[in-house]
């Protein structure tokens, strides 16, 4: 048996291809039939590839929410918000921004599904509900706030203590109820762990800022206003009294302005509340944060819907 040299083999292959192609070019019917066969073969291969992809997609859709959410986030959100959610040139930081962290899961779902009109945030109507929920779950992991938390006490008892014995509601508001002077605690537990909340109650950080202390303003006419200074310049101040009302006062009309030596936040809750009562208050704050939207978020929603 004689072996062919590479050059002779190549020449023979070329000659064979010419034998196949030249008759087709000289016979239009044969050429069209061959071309149709090739197109049908390509179409069949494409259908097979799509079929294989379709068979794989249910497995992907039935994956763990965190994995599914990560995949959807990377394909739909990371291009603007960054791989870690900390923002980019086209979109803000949604992993560390407190305003975003304080949004409820339901609110985040609404924003992803419908977008924010007038901004660069588009609507993702093409995503299934399960995909959007998975994205929200994954976003919480980026924020470090979506962890299973076991309530250390009884939320119902904590609510009673918050509004009665501890007197927290005299200054703080929760779910639309309470005072106006201190911060709204409706969403506080979304971004603070159990021990952080406990420490904030029993060992509040000393604050030398005058805005963290109550003030008594006495006018030349003898009127007294007790509250917090919200704004101040060289000639006037804006004071919010305990009932939530604002008063604009010219400094030239004041007889005296006396700051309290003690901060608004009591420092003795560690002794006036026992460990069980503290656990109840903490559980109440966690429960409220997980089930309700804070007033600021509600007002923002109403504004967007107008």
C-alpha atoms as a PDB file:
ATOM      1  CA  UNK A   1       0.000   0.000   0.000  1.00  0.00           C
ATOM      2  CA  UNK A   2       1.527   3.260  -1.090  1.00  0.00           C
ATOM      3  CA  UNK A   3       1.407   6.316   1.140  1.00  0.00           C
ATOM      4  CA  UNK A   4       0.697   9.741  -0.303  1.00  0.00           C
ATOM      5  CA  UNK A   5       2.823  12.721   0.462  1.00  0.00           C
ATOM      6  CA  UNK A   6       1.072  15.686   2.198  1.00  0.00           C
ATOM      7  CA  UNK A   7       1.336  17.807  -0.934  1.00  0.00           C
ATOM      8  CA  UNK A   8      -0.258  15.129  -3.074  1.00  0.00           C
ATOM      9  CA  UNK A   9      -2.947  14.524  -0.462  1.00  0.00           C
ATOM     10  CA  UNK A  10      -3.822  18.227  -0.312  1.00  0.00           C
ATOM     11  CA  UNK A  11      -3.925  18.396  -4.042  1.00  0.00           C
ATOM     12  CA  UNK A  12      -6.216  15.410  -4.183  1.00  0.00           C
ATOM     13  CA  UNK A  13      -8.577  16.919  -1.552  1.00  0.00           C
ATOM     14  CA  UNK A  14      -8.714  20.200  -3.465  1.00  0.00           C
ATOM     15  CA  UNK A  15      -9.515  18.368  -6.639  1.00  0.00           C
ATOM     16  CA  UNK A  16     -12.319  16.486  -4.913  1.00  0.00           C
ATOM     17  CA  UNK A  17     -13.853  19.710  -3.592  1.00  0.00           C
ATOM     18  CA  UNK A  18     -13.738  21.154  -7.092  1.00  0.00           C
ATOM     19  CA  UNK A  19     -15.496  18.066  -8.362  1.00  0.00           C
ATOM     20  CA  UNK A  20     -18.285  18.665  -5.884  1.00  0.00           C
ATOM     21  CA  UNK A  21     -18.622  22.434  -6.240  1.00  0.00           C
ATOM     22  CA  UNK A  22     -18.269  22.898 -10.008  1.00  0.00           C
ATOM     23  CA  UNK A  23     -21.283  20.717 -10.910  1.00  0.00           C
ATOM     24  CA  UNK A  24     -23.433  22.654  -8.408  1.00  0.00           C
ATOM     25  CA  UNK A  25     -22.425  25.983  -9.905  1.00  0.00           C
ATOM     26  CA  UNK A  26     -23.237  24.741 -13.389  1.00  0.00           C
ATOM     27  CA  UNK A  27     -26.591  23.294 -12.242  1.00  0.00           C
ATOM     28  CA  UNK A  28     -28.755  25.938 -10.469  1.00  0.00           C
ATOM     29  CA  UNK A  29     -31.310  23.396  -9.264  1.00  0.00           C
ATOM     30  CA  UNK A  30     -28.636  21.247  -7.664  1.00  0.00           C
ATOM     31  CA  UNK A  31     -27.084  24.339  -6.045  1.00  0.00           C
ATOM     32  CA  UNK A  32     -30.415  25.522  -4.571  1.00  0.00           C
ATOM     33  CA  UNK A  33     -31.216  22.046  -3.253  1.00  0.00           C
ATOM     34  CA  UNK A  34     -27.825  21.792  -1.576  1.00  0.00           C
ATOM     35  CA  UNK A  35     -28.119  25.284  -0.094  1.00  0.00           C
ATOM     36  CA  UNK A  36     -31.596  24.490   1.295  1.00  0.00           C
ATOM     37  CA  UNK A  37     -30.226  21.372   2.915  1.00  0.00           C
ATOM     38  CA  UNK A  38     -27.435  23.319   4.593  1.00  0.00           C
ATOM     39  CA  UNK A  39     -29.885  25.944   5.888  1.00  0.00           C
ATOM     40  CA  UNK A  40     -32.160  23.243   7.278  1.00  0.00           C
ATOM     41  CA  UNK A  41     -29.195  21.634   9.034  1.00  0.00           C
ATOM     42  CA  UNK A  42     -28.155  24.964  10.609  1.00  0.00           C
ATOM     43  CA  UNK A  43     -31.732  25.630  11.731  1.00  0.00           C
ATOM     44  CA  UNK A  44     -31.932  22.189  13.313  1.00  0.00           C
ATOM     45  CA  UNK A  45     -28.662  22.764  15.180  1.00  0.00           C
ATOM     46  CA  UNK A  46     -29.903  26.130  16.445  1.00  0.00           C
ATOM     47  CA  UNK A  47     -33.191  24.592  17.643  1.00  0.00           C
ATOM     48  CA  UNK A  48     -31.257  21.856  19.418  1.00  0.00           C
ATOM     49  CA  UNK A  49     -29.052  24.409  21.215  1.00  0.00           C
ATOM     50  CA  UNK A  50     -32.100  26.388  22.351  1.00  0.00           C
ATOM     51  CA  UNK A  51     -33.781  23.185  23.486  1.00  0.00           C
ATOM     52  CA  UNK A  52     -30.763  22.262  25.584  1.00  0.00           C
ATOM     53  CA  UNK A  53     -30.716  25.747  27.099  1.00  0.00           C
ATOM     54  CA  UNK A  54     -34.424  25.533  27.871  1.00  0.00           C
ATOM     55  CA  UNK A  55     -33.848  22.216  29.616  1.00  0.00           C
ATOM     56  CA  UNK A  56     -31.149  23.796  31.797  1.00  0.00           C
ATOM     57  CA  UNK A  57     -33.101  26.934  32.719  1.00  0.00           C
ATOM     58  CA  UNK A  58     -35.573  25.232  35.120  1.00  0.00           C
ATOM     59  CA  UNK A  59     -32.633  23.962  37.121  1.00  0.00           C
ATOM     60  CA  UNK A  60     -31.262  27.470  37.318  1.00  0.00           C
ATOM     61  CA  UNK A  61     -34.678  28.887  38.241  1.00  0.00           C
ATOM     62  CA  UNK A  62     -35.113  26.333  41.005  1.00  0.00           C
ATOM     63  CA  UNK A  63     -31.759  27.197  42.551  1.00  0.00           C
ATOM     64  CA  UNK A  64     -31.228  28.749  45.958  1.00  0.00           C
ATOM     65  CA  UNK A  65     -32.614  32.331  46.245  1.00  0.00           C
ATOM     66  CA  UNK A  66     -29.180  33.724  47.149  1.00  0.00           C
ATOM     67  CA  UNK A  67     -27.569  32.136  44.070  1.00  0.00           C
ATOM     68  CA  UNK A  68     -30.461  33.058  41.847  1.00  0.00           C
ATOM     69  CA  UNK A  69     -30.498  36.590  43.222  1.00  0.00           C
ATOM     70  CA  UNK A  70     -26.767  36.981  42.704  1.00  0.00           C
ATOM     71  CA  UNK A  71     -26.998  35.837  39.083  1.00  0.00           C
ATOM     72  CA  UNK A  72     -29.862  38.231  38.374  1.00  0.00           C
ATOM     73  CA  UNK A  73     -28.137  41.099  40.189  1.00  0.00           C
ATOM     74  CA  UNK A  74     -24.910  40.599  38.239  1.00  0.00           C
ATOM     75  CA  UNK A  75     -26.730  40.492  34.901  1.00  0.00           C
ATOM     76  CA  UNK A  76     -29.274  43.274  35.513  1.00  0.00           C
ATOM     77  CA  UNK A  77     -28.015  45.571  38.287  1.00  0.00           C
ATOM     78  CA  UNK A  78     -24.225  45.392  38.601  1.00  0.00           C
ATOM     79  CA  UNK A  79     -23.654  47.298  35.362  1.00  0.00           C
ATOM     80  CA  UNK A  80     -24.794  50.489  37.111  1.00  0.00           C
ATOM     81  CA  UNK A  81     -24.624  49.760  40.851  1.00  0.00           C
ATOM     82  CA  UNK A  82     -21.346  47.809  40.790  1.00  0.00           C
ATOM     83  CA  UNK A  83     -20.606  44.156  41.514  1.00  0.00           C
ATOM     84  CA  UNK A  84     -20.733  44.823  45.268  1.00  0.00           C
ATOM     85  CA  UNK A  85     -23.659  47.242  45.121  1.00  0.00           C
ATOM     86  CA  UNK A  86     -21.494  50.149  46.240  1.00  0.00           C
ATOM     87  CA  UNK A  87     -22.248  52.302  43.266  1.00  0.00           C
ATOM     88  CA  UNK A  88     -20.636  53.381  40.051  1.00  0.00           C
ATOM     89  CA  UNK A  89     -20.630  56.239  37.592  1.00  0.00           C
ATOM     90  CA  UNK A  90     -24.285  55.713  36.667  1.00  0.00           C
ATOM     91  CA  UNK A  91     -25.966  54.670  39.913  1.00  0.00           C
ATOM     92  CA  UNK A  92     -25.659  55.213  43.697  1.00  0.00           C
ATOM     93  CA  UNK A  93     -24.370  52.999  46.502  1.00  0.00           C
ATOM     94  CA  UNK A  94     -27.251  50.726  47.499  1.00  0.00           C
ATOM     95  CA  UNK A  95     -25.241  48.463  49.804  1.00  0.00           C
ATOM     96  CA  UNK A  96     -24.101  51.021  52.372  1.00  0.00           C
ATOM     97  CA  UNK A  97     -26.502  53.938  51.906  1.00  0.00           C
ATOM     98  CA  UNK A  98     -28.706  54.134  55.059  1.00  0.00           C
ATOM     99  CA  UNK A  99     -31.689  55.431  53.087  1.00  0.00           C
ATOM    100  CA  UNK A 100     -31.665  52.292  50.935  1.00  0.00           C
ATOM    101  CA  UNK A 101     -30.997  49.970  53.862  1.00  0.00           C
ATOM    102  CA  UNK A 102     -34.057  51.343  55.645  1.00  0.00           C
ATOM    103  CA  UNK A 103     -36.411  50.550  52.765  1.00  0.00           C
ATOM    104  CA  UNK A 104     -38.657  47.551  53.379  1.00  0.00           C
ATOM    105  CA  UNK A 105     -38.376  44.447  51.200  1.00  0.00           C
ATOM    106  CA  UNK A 106     -41.762  45.268  49.691  1.00  0.00           C
ATOM    107  CA  UNK A 107     -40.601  48.777  48.783  1.00  0.00           C
ATOM    108  CA  UNK A 108     -37.405  47.483  47.172  1.00  0.00           C
ATOM    109  CA  UNK A 109     -39.480  44.991  45.177  1.00  0.00           C
ATOM    110  CA  UNK A 110     -41.702  47.845  43.942  1.00  0.00           C
ATOM    111  CA  UNK A 111     -38.710  49.960  42.897  1.00  0.00           C
ATOM    112  CA  UNK A 112     -37.054  47.114  40.998  1.00  0.00           C
ATOM    113  CA  UNK A 113     -40.253  46.128  39.242  1.00  0.00           C
ATOM    114  CA  UNK A 114     -41.469  49.643  38.357  1.00  0.00           C
ATOM    115  CA  UNK A 115     -38.325  51.774  38.439  1.00  0.00           C
ATOM    116  CA  UNK A 116     -38.200  55.388  39.645  1.00  0.00           C
ATOM    117  CA  UNK A 117     -39.690  57.882  37.153  1.00  0.00           C
ATOM    118  CA  UNK A 118     -37.470  60.824  36.321  1.00  0.00           C
ATOM    119  CA  UNK A 119     -34.267  59.017  37.298  1.00  0.00           C
ATOM    120  CA  UNK A 120     -31.887  56.551  35.694  1.00  0.00           C
ATOM    121  CA  UNK A 121     -33.541  53.637  37.491  1.00  0.00           C
ATOM    122  CA  UNK A 122     -35.473  51.637  34.865  1.00  0.00           C
ATOM    123  CA  UNK A 123     -38.392  49.272  35.398  1.00  0.00           C
ATOM    124  CA  UNK A 124     -37.640  45.556  35.200  1.00  0.00           C
ATOM    125  CA  UNK A 125     -41.048  44.260  34.116  1.00  0.00           C
ATOM    126  CA  UNK A 126     -39.332  41.383  32.323  1.00  0.00           C
ATOM    127  CA  UNK A 127     -38.180  39.834  35.608  1.00  0.00           C
ATOM    128  CA  UNK A 128     -40.402  37.295  37.301  1.00  0.00           C
ATOM    129  CA  UNK A 129     -41.589  37.986  40.839  1.00  0.00           C
ATOM    130  CA  UNK A 130     -39.384  35.203  42.179  1.00  0.00           C
ATOM    131  CA  UNK A 131     -36.352  36.766  40.479  1.00  0.00           C
ATOM    132  CA  UNK A 132     -37.053  40.174  42.013  1.00  0.00           C
ATOM    133  CA  UNK A 133     -37.508  38.650  45.472  1.00  0.00           C
ATOM    134  CA  UNK A 134     -34.211  36.813  45.019  1.00  0.00           C
ATOM    135  CA  UNK A 135     -32.480  40.075  44.063  1.00  0.00           C
ATOM    136  CA  UNK A 136     -33.832  41.743  47.214  1.00  0.00           C
ATOM    137  CA  UNK A 137     -32.563  38.831  49.304  1.00  0.00           C
ATOM    138  CA  UNK A 138     -29.129  39.074  47.695  1.00  0.00           C
ATOM    139  CA  UNK A 139     -29.054  42.845  48.166  1.00  0.00           C
ATOM    140  CA  UNK A 140     -29.665  42.332  51.881  1.00  0.00           C
ATOM    141  CA  UNK A 141     -26.599  40.092  52.011  1.00  0.00           C
ATOM    142  CA  UNK A 142     -24.554  42.859  50.359  1.00  0.00           C
ATOM    143  CA  UNK A 143     -25.903  45.269  52.958  1.00  0.00           C
ATOM    144  CA  UNK A 144     -25.143  42.823  55.762  1.00  0.00           C
ATOM    145  CA  UNK A 145     -28.638  43.316  57.183  1.00  0.00           C
ATOM    146  CA  UNK A 146     -30.520  40.187  56.099  1.00  0.00           C
ATOM    147  CA  UNK A 147     -29.681  37.741  58.833  1.00  0.00           C
ATOM    148  CA  UNK A 148     -32.011  35.469  60.703  1.00  0.00           C
ATOM    149  CA  UNK A 149     -32.474  37.122  64.095  1.00  0.00           C
ATOM    150  CA  UNK A 150     -34.007  35.292  67.011  1.00  0.00           C
ATOM    151  CA  UNK A 151     -36.020  37.698  69.112  1.00  0.00           C
ATOM    152  CA  UNK A 152     -34.484  37.831  72.595  1.00  0.00           C
ATOM    153  CA  UNK A 153     -37.780  38.772  74.274  1.00  0.00           C
ATOM    154  CA  UNK A 154     -41.483  39.494  73.842  1.00  0.00           C
ATOM    155  CA  UNK A 155     -42.361  42.312  71.374  1.00  0.00           C
ATOM    156  CA  UNK A 156     -45.769  42.900  72.955  1.00  0.00           C
ATOM    157  CA  UNK A 157     -44.316  43.477  76.409  1.00  0.00           C
ATOM    158  CA  UNK A 158     -41.589  45.576  74.793  1.00  0.00           C
ATOM    159  CA  UNK A 159     -44.168  47.851  73.209  1.00  0.00           C
ATOM    160  CA  UNK A 160     -45.800  48.442  76.596  1.00  0.00           C
ATOM    161  CA  UNK A 161     -42.432  49.251  78.185  1.00  0.00           C
ATOM    162  CA  UNK A 162     -41.465  51.542  75.299  1.00  0.00           C
ATOM    163  CA  UNK A 163     -44.626  53.646  75.613  1.00  0.00           C
ATOM    164  CA  UNK A 164     -45.011  53.460  79.404  1.00  0.00           C
ATOM    165  CA  UNK A 165     -42.327  52.514  81.941  1.00  0.00           C
ATOM    166  CA  UNK A 166     -39.256  53.490  79.914  1.00  0.00           C
ATOM    167  CA  UNK A 167     -40.894  56.612  78.489  1.00  0.00           C
ATOM    168  CA  UNK A 168     -39.055  56.221  75.166  1.00  0.00           C
ATOM    169  CA  UNK A 169     -42.068  57.507  73.245  1.00  0.00           C
ATOM    170  CA  UNK A 170     -41.772  60.929  74.892  1.00  0.00           C
ATOM    171  CA  UNK A 171     -38.931  61.630  72.459  1.00  0.00           C
ATOM    172  CA  UNK A 172     -38.853  58.813  69.895  1.00  0.00           C
ATOM    173  CA  UNK A 173     -41.431  57.857  67.301  1.00  0.00           C
ATOM    174  CA  UNK A 174     -42.131  54.279  66.176  1.00  0.00           C
ATOM    175  CA  UNK A 175     -44.546  53.384  63.374  1.00  0.00           C
ATOM    176  CA  UNK A 176     -46.119  56.832  63.450  1.00  0.00           C
ATOM    177  CA  UNK A 177     -46.618  56.973  67.236  1.00  0.00           C
ATOM    178  CA  UNK A 178     -44.529  58.848  69.782  1.00  0.00           C
ATOM    179  CA  UNK A 179     -42.512  62.018  70.132  1.00  0.00           C
ATOM    180  CA  UNK A 180     -40.814  64.337  67.670  1.00  0.00           C
ATOM    181  CA  UNK A 181     -37.687  65.440  69.478  1.00  0.00           C
ATOM    182  CA  UNK A 182     -35.435  62.410  68.982  1.00  0.00           C
ATOM    183  CA  UNK A 183     -34.884  60.147  65.976  1.00  0.00           C
ATOM    184  CA  UNK A 184     -37.553  57.928  64.440  1.00  0.00           C
ATOM    185  CA  UNK A 185     -36.783  54.332  65.498  1.00  0.00           C
ATOM    186  CA  UNK A 186     -39.189  52.600  63.100  1.00  0.00           C
ATOM    187  CA  UNK A 187     -36.361  51.207  60.955  1.00  0.00           C
ATOM    188  CA  UNK A 188     -33.505  51.377  63.464  1.00  0.00           C
ATOM    189  CA  UNK A 189     -33.274  47.601  63.972  1.00  0.00           C
ATOM    190  CA  UNK A 190     -32.864  46.972  60.230  1.00  0.00           C
ATOM    191  CA  UNK A 191     -29.330  48.286  60.334  1.00  0.00           C
ATOM    192  CA  UNK A 192     -28.336  47.482  63.924  1.00  0.00           C
ATOM    193  CA  UNK A 193     -27.688  44.119  65.547  1.00  0.00           C
ATOM    194  CA  UNK A 194     -29.201  43.057  68.874  1.00  0.00           C
ATOM    195  CA  UNK A 195     -26.123  43.917  70.912  1.00  0.00           C
ATOM    196  CA  UNK A 196     -25.758  47.269  69.161  1.00  0.00           C
ATOM    197  CA  UNK A 197     -29.321  48.166  70.130  1.00  0.00           C
ATOM    198  CA  UNK A 198     -28.735  47.023  73.711  1.00  0.00           C
ATOM    199  CA  UNK A 199     -25.586  49.127  73.975  1.00  0.00           C
ATOM    200  CA  UNK A 200     -27.328  52.180  72.528  1.00  0.00           C
ATOM    201  CA  UNK A 201     -29.999  51.863  75.240  1.00  0.00           C
ATOM    202  CA  UNK A 202     -27.833  51.054  78.262  1.00  0.00           C
ATOM    203  CA  UNK A 203     -24.660  52.921  77.353  1.00  0.00           C
ATOM    204  CA  UNK A 204     -25.474  55.790  74.981  1.00  0.00           C
ATOM    205  CA  UNK A 205     -22.520  57.584  73.444  1.00  0.00           C
ATOM    206  CA  UNK A 206     -21.877  60.937  75.150  1.00  0.00           C
ATOM    207  CA  UNK A 207     -22.677  63.763  72.774  1.00  0.00           C
ATOM    208  CA  UNK A 208     -21.438  67.301  73.388  1.00  0.00           C
ATOM    209  CA  UNK A 209     -23.505  68.665  70.488  1.00  0.00           C
ATOM    210  CA  UNK A 210     -26.050  71.183  71.725  1.00  0.00           C
ATOM    211  CA  UNK A 211     -28.624  69.700  69.348  1.00  0.00           C
ATOM    212  CA  UNK A 212     -28.526  66.510  71.431  1.00  0.00           C
ATOM    213  CA  UNK A 213     -29.526  68.459  74.568  1.00  0.00           C
ATOM    214  CA  UNK A 214     -32.732  70.220  75.451  1.00  0.00           C
ATOM    215  CA  UNK A 215     -32.716  73.980  75.794  1.00  0.00           C
ATOM    216  CA  UNK A 216     -34.885  76.485  77.616  1.00  0.00           C
ATOM    217  CA  UNK A 217     -35.348  79.748  75.740  1.00  0.00           C
ATOM    218  CA  UNK A 218     -36.809  82.647  77.742  1.00  0.00           C
ATOM    219  CA  UNK A 219     -38.131  85.680  75.906  1.00  0.00           C
ATOM    220  CA  UNK A 220     -37.965  89.247  77.227  1.00  0.00           C
ATOM    221  CA  UNK A 221     -41.703  89.016  77.762  1.00  0.00           C
ATOM    222  CA  UNK A 222     -41.258  86.061  80.124  1.00  0.00           C
ATOM    223  CA  UNK A 223     -42.374  83.281  77.769  1.00  0.00           C
ATOM    224  CA  UNK A 224     -40.446  80.026  77.985  1.00  0.00           C
ATOM    225  CA  UNK A 225     -39.882  77.446  75.273  1.00  0.00           C
ATOM    226  CA  UNK A 226     -38.370  74.048  76.087  1.00  0.00           C
ATOM    227  CA  UNK A 227     -37.177  71.886  73.236  1.00  0.00           C
ATOM    228  CA  UNK A 228     -34.380  71.297  70.754  1.00  0.00           C
ATOM    229  CA  UNK A 229     -32.617  73.828  68.545  1.00  0.00           C
ATOM    230  CA  UNK A 230     -32.972  72.618  64.979  1.00  0.00           C
ATOM    231  CA  UNK A 231     -31.268  75.529  63.253  1.00  0.00           C
ATOM    232  CA  UNK A 232     -29.293  78.559  64.370  1.00  0.00           C
ATOM    233  CA  UNK A 233     -27.347  81.497  62.965  1.00  0.00           C
ATOM    234  CA  UNK A 234     -25.894  84.698  64.419  1.00  0.00           C
ATOM    235  CA  UNK A 235     -29.251  86.440  64.622  1.00  0.00           C
ATOM    236  CA  UNK A 236     -31.941  83.811  65.162  1.00  0.00           C
ATOM    237  CA  UNK A 237     -32.716  80.230  66.033  1.00  0.00           C
ATOM    238  CA  UNK A 238     -35.369  77.677  65.149  1.00  0.00           C
ATOM    239  CA  UNK A 239     -36.588  75.693  68.118  1.00  0.00           C
ATOM    240  CA  UNK A 240     -38.803  72.613  68.159  1.00  0.00           C
ATOM    241  CA  UNK A 241     -40.731  72.157  71.382  1.00  0.00           C
ATOM    242  CA  UNK A 242     -41.738  68.833  72.912  1.00  0.00           C
ATOM    243  CA  UNK A 243     -45.147  68.909  71.197  1.00  0.00           C
ATOM    244  CA  UNK A 244     -43.438  68.997  67.779  1.00  0.00           C
ATOM    245  CA  UNK A 245     -44.200  72.669  67.056  1.00  0.00           C
ATOM    246  CA  UNK A 246     -41.498  74.893  65.533  1.00  0.00           C
ATOM    247  CA  UNK A 247     -40.765  78.391  66.791  1.00  0.00           C
ATOM    248  CA  UNK A 248     -38.660  80.982  64.986  1.00  0.00           C
ATOM    249  CA  UNK A 249     -37.049  83.265  67.594  1.00  0.00           C
ATOM    250  CA  UNK A 250     -34.847  86.311  67.095  1.00  0.00           C
ATOM    251  CA  UNK A 251     -31.920  86.285  69.508  1.00  0.00           C
ATOM    252  CA  UNK A 252     -32.446  89.978  70.203  1.00  0.00           C
ATOM    253  CA  UNK A 253     -35.836  89.052  71.711  1.00  0.00           C
ATOM    254  CA  UNK A 254     -34.356  86.517  74.147  1.00  0.00           C
ATOM    255  CA  UNK A 255     -33.696  87.155  77.788  1.00  0.00           C
ATOM    256  CA  UNK A 256     -31.831  83.902  78.219  1.00  0.00           C
ATOM    257  CA  UNK A 257     -30.878  80.613  76.563  1.00  0.00           C
ATOM    258  CA  UNK A 258     -30.017  77.741  78.896  1.00  0.00           C
ATOM    259  CA  UNK A 259     -28.833  74.323  77.737  1.00  0.00           C
ATOM    260  CA  UNK A 260     -29.519  71.258  79.875  1.00  0.00           C
ATOM    261  CA  UNK A 261     -26.451  69.664  81.436  1.00  0.00           C
ATOM    262  CA  UNK A 262     -27.812  66.203  80.605  1.00  0.00           C
ATOM    263  CA  UNK A 263     -28.330  64.760  77.127  1.00  0.00           C
ATOM    264  CA  UNK A 264     -31.845  63.877  76.029  1.00  0.00           C
ATOM    265  CA  UNK A 265     -31.093  60.146  76.068  1.00  0.00           C
ATOM    266  CA  UNK A 266     -31.164  58.875  79.688  1.00  0.00           C
ATOM    267  CA  UNK A 267     -28.046  56.987  80.730  1.00  0.00           C
ATOM    268  CA  UNK A 268     -29.590  54.872  83.492  1.00  0.00           C
ATOM    269  CA  UNK A 269     -31.688  52.379  81.521  1.00  0.00           C
ATOM    270  CA  UNK A 270     -29.148  49.716  82.467  1.00  0.00           C
ATOM    271  CA  UNK A 271     -30.353  49.985  86.059  1.00  0.00           C
ATOM    272  CA  UNK A 272     -33.993  51.066  85.677  1.00  0.00           C
ATOM    273  CA  UNK A 273     -34.769  48.213  83.256  1.00  0.00           C
ATOM    274  CA  UNK A 274     -33.849  44.623  84.024  1.00  0.00           C
ATOM    275  CA  UNK A 275     -32.344  42.309  81.383  1.00  0.00           C
ATOM    276  CA  UNK A 276     -35.719  40.765  80.537  1.00  0.00           C
ATOM    277  CA  UNK A 277     -37.314  44.182  79.982  1.00  0.00           C
ATOM    278  CA  UNK A 278     -34.402  45.264  77.799  1.00  0.00           C
ATOM    279  CA  UNK A 279     -34.820  42.128  75.692  1.00  0.00           C
ATOM    280  CA  UNK A 280     -38.512  42.906  75.314  1.00  0.00           C
ATOM    281  CA  UNK A 281     -37.842  46.472  74.104  1.00  0.00           C
ATOM    282  CA  UNK A 282     -35.184  45.230  71.662  1.00  0.00           C
ATOM    283  CA  UNK A 283     -37.600  42.590  70.335  1.00  0.00           C
ATOM    284  CA  UNK A 284     -40.260  45.249  69.848  1.00  0.00           C
ATOM    285  CA  UNK A 285     -37.910  47.403  67.763  1.00  0.00           C
ATOM    286  CA  UNK A 286     -36.845  44.403  65.665  1.00  0.00           C
ATOM    287  CA  UNK A 287     -40.447  43.353  65.133  1.00  0.00           C
ATOM    288  CA  UNK A 288     -41.508  46.830  64.016  1.00  0.00           C
ATOM    289  CA  UNK A 289     -38.536  47.190  61.657  1.00  0.00           C
ATOM    290  CA  UNK A 290     -39.324  43.885  59.959  1.00  0.00           C
ATOM    291  CA  UNK A 291     -43.046  44.404  59.505  1.00  0.00           C
ATOM    292  CA  UNK A 292     -43.693  48.087  58.836  1.00  0.00           C
ATOM    293  CA  UNK A 293     -42.445  50.925  56.696  1.00  0.00           C
ATOM    294  CA  UNK A 294     -41.244  54.039  58.437  1.00  0.00           C
ATOM    295  CA  UNK A 295     -43.137  57.336  57.933  1.00  0.00           C
ATOM    296  CA  UNK A 296     -40.366  58.803  55.778  1.00  0.00           C
ATOM    297  CA  UNK A 297     -40.625  55.868  53.380  1.00  0.00           C
ATOM    298  CA  UNK A 298     -44.408  56.136  53.296  1.00  0.00           C
ATOM    299  CA  UNK A 299     -44.244  59.849  52.456  1.00  0.00           C
ATOM    300  CA  UNK A 300     -41.714  59.126  49.707  1.00  0.00           C
ATOM    301  CA  UNK A 301     -44.059  56.518  48.211  1.00  0.00           C
ATOM    302  CA  UNK A 302     -46.992  58.933  48.277  1.00  0.00           C
ATOM    303  CA  UNK A 303     -44.882  61.596  46.574  1.00  0.00           C
ATOM    304  CA  UNK A 304     -43.804  59.217  43.788  1.00  0.00           C
ATOM    305  CA  UNK A 305     -47.389  58.094  43.183  1.00  0.00           C
ATOM    306  CA  UNK A 306     -48.749  61.640  42.799  1.00  0.00           C
END
